[in-house]
C-alpha atoms as a PDB file:
ATOM      1  CA  UNK A   1      26.593   2.443  51.859  1.00  0.00           C
ATOM      2  CA  UNK A   2      30.394   1.567  51.285  1.00  0.00           C
ATOM      3  CA  UNK A   3      30.907   4.610  52.560  1.00  0.00           C
ATOM      4  CA  UNK A   4      29.360   4.504  56.021  1.00  0.00           C
ATOM      5  CA  UNK A   5      30.789   1.215  56.458  1.00  0.00           C
ATOM      6  CA  UNK A   6      34.673   3.003  54.983  1.00  0.00           C
ATOM      7  CA  UNK A   7      33.811   5.733  57.752  1.00  0.00           C
ATOM      8  CA  UNK A   8      32.647   2.894  61.229  1.00  0.00           C
ATOM      9  CA  UNK A   9      35.788   0.993  59.837  1.00  0.00           C
ATOM     10  CA  UNK A  10      38.257   4.650  60.055  1.00  0.00           C
ATOM     11  CA  UNK A  11      36.387   5.307  63.838  1.00  0.00           C
ATOM     12  CA  UNK A  12      36.922   1.620  64.924  1.00  0.00           C
ATOM     13  CA  UNK A  13      40.659   1.995  64.170  1.00  0.00           C
ATOM     14  CA  UNK A  14      41.307   4.864  65.467  1.00  0.00           C
ATOM     15  CA  UNK A  15      39.385   4.617  68.550  1.00  0.00           C
ATOM     16  CA  UNK A  16      40.107   0.709  68.626  1.00  0.00           C
ATOM     17  CA  UNK A  17      36.141   0.472  69.416  1.00  0.00           C
ATOM     18  CA  UNK A  18      33.224  -1.649  68.196  1.00  0.00           C
ATOM     19  CA  UNK A  19      31.425  -0.351  65.547  1.00  0.00           C
ATOM     20  CA  UNK A  20      28.391  -0.135  68.140  1.00  0.00           C
ATOM     21  CA  UNK A  21      30.035   1.872  69.843  1.00  0.00           C
ATOM     22  CA  UNK A  22      29.102   4.841  67.353  1.00  0.00           C
ATOM     23  CA  UNK A  23      26.229   6.589  68.006  1.00  0.00           C
ATOM     24  CA  UNK A  24      25.172  10.181  69.445  1.00  0.00           C
ATOM     25  CA  UNK A  25      27.193   9.712  72.747  1.00  0.00           C
ATOM     26  CA  UNK A  26      30.393   9.474  70.498  1.00  0.00           C
ATOM     27  CA  UNK A  27      32.443  12.579  70.480  1.00  0.00           C
ATOM     28  CA  UNK A  28      35.014  14.226  72.238  1.00  0.00           C
ATOM     29  CA  UNK A  29      33.507  14.592  74.953  1.00  0.00           C
ATOM     30  CA  UNK A  30      32.849  11.564  75.785  1.00  0.00           C
ATOM     31  CA  UNK A  31      35.375   9.226  74.352  1.00  0.00           C
ATOM     32  CA  UNK A  32      38.664   9.570  77.102  1.00  0.00           C
ATOM     33  CA  UNK A  33      40.834   7.612  73.996  1.00  0.00           C
ATOM     34  CA  UNK A  34      39.897  10.660  71.669  1.00  0.00           C
ATOM     35  CA  UNK A  35      43.059  13.015  72.150  1.00  0.00           C
ATOM     36  CA  UNK A  36      44.947  15.234  69.846  1.00  0.00           C
ATOM     37  CA  UNK A  37      46.533  12.790  68.726  1.00  0.00           C
ATOM     38  CA  UNK A  38      43.675  10.539  67.936  1.00  0.00           C
ATOM     39  CA  UNK A  39      41.404  13.334  66.367  1.00  0.00           C
ATOM     40  CA  UNK A  40      44.964  14.350  63.390  1.00  0.00           C
ATOM     41  CA  UNK A  41      45.028  10.782  62.980  1.00  0.00           C
ATOM     42  CA  UNK A  42      40.976  10.478  62.362  1.00  0.00           C
ATOM     43  CA  UNK A  43      41.238  13.426  59.647  1.00  0.00           C
ATOM     44  CA  UNK A  44      44.375  12.359  58.225  1.00  0.00           C
ATOM     45  CA  UNK A  45      42.510   8.627  58.008  1.00  0.00           C
ATOM     46  CA  UNK A  46      39.269  10.196  56.587  1.00  0.00           C
ATOM     47  CA  UNK A  47      41.340  12.972  54.144  1.00  0.00           C
ATOM     48  CA  UNK A  48      42.882   9.568  53.094  1.00  0.00           C
ATOM     49  CA  UNK A  49      39.930   6.790  52.305  1.00  0.00           C
ATOM     50  CA  UNK A  50      37.978   9.803  50.684  1.00  0.00           C
ATOM     51  CA  UNK A  51      40.425  11.869  48.693  1.00  0.00           C
ATOM     52  CA  UNK A  52      39.575  15.175  49.971  1.00  0.00           C
ATOM     53  CA  UNK A  53      41.303  17.997  52.332  1.00  0.00           C
ATOM     54  CA  UNK A  54      39.687  19.639  55.183  1.00  0.00           C
ATOM     55  CA  UNK A  55      39.779  22.792  56.062  1.00  0.00           C
ATOM     56  CA  UNK A  56      40.662  24.622  58.923  1.00  0.00           C
ATOM     57  CA  UNK A  57      37.496  25.124  60.629  1.00  0.00           C
ATOM     58  CA  UNK A  58      36.170  21.328  59.205  1.00  0.00           C
ATOM     59  CA  UNK A  59      39.364  20.208  61.860  1.00  0.00           C
ATOM     60  CA  UNK A  60      38.439  22.385  63.779  1.00  0.00           C
ATOM     61  CA  UNK A  61      34.152  21.557  64.925  1.00  0.00           C
ATOM     62  CA  UNK A  62      35.358  18.145  63.425  1.00  0.00           C
ATOM     63  CA  UNK A  63      33.805  16.402  67.304  1.00  0.00           C
ATOM     64  CA  UNK A  64      31.421  13.839  67.055  1.00  0.00           C
ATOM     65  CA  UNK A  65      30.726  10.623  65.155  1.00  0.00           C
ATOM     66  CA  UNK A  66      27.640  11.882  63.826  1.00  0.00           C
ATOM     67  CA  UNK A  67      28.657  15.978  63.172  1.00  0.00           C
ATOM     68  CA  UNK A  68      31.121  14.152  61.267  1.00  0.00           C
ATOM     69  CA  UNK A  69      28.924  12.957  58.798  1.00  0.00           C
ATOM     70  CA  UNK A  70      27.268  15.911  58.722  1.00  0.00           C
ATOM     71  CA  UNK A  71      31.043  17.657  57.766  1.00  0.00           C
ATOM     72  CA  UNK A  72      31.990  14.577  54.401  1.00  0.00           C
ATOM     73  CA  UNK A  73      28.738  16.126  52.717  1.00  0.00           C
ATOM     74  CA  UNK A  74      29.483  19.876  52.712  1.00  0.00           C
ATOM     75  CA  UNK A  75      32.407  18.089  50.368  1.00  0.00           C
ATOM     76  CA  UNK A  76      30.048  15.714  48.116  1.00  0.00           C
ATOM     77  CA  UNK A  77      30.502  12.797  50.352  1.00  0.00           C
ATOM     78  CA  UNK A  78      27.310   9.948  50.214  1.00  0.00           C
ATOM     79  CA  UNK A  79      26.806   8.747  53.215  1.00  0.00           C
END
């Protein structure tokens, strides 16, 4: 559960949103603030927080809040 709190904190910080906005509709297509700069900030924060290094393929496919949870699990981050 602690990792989910960290994950949510990163999203709220990077996108400047309230935690209750983080759901299945939180995608790069539906969030105006999710531009290339925010995307790189998100990836950097996630890598630093969870001490991982994303593969390029995963960075390119990190398209939503929910998808991101699955990608983190791939790197052994338990959420």
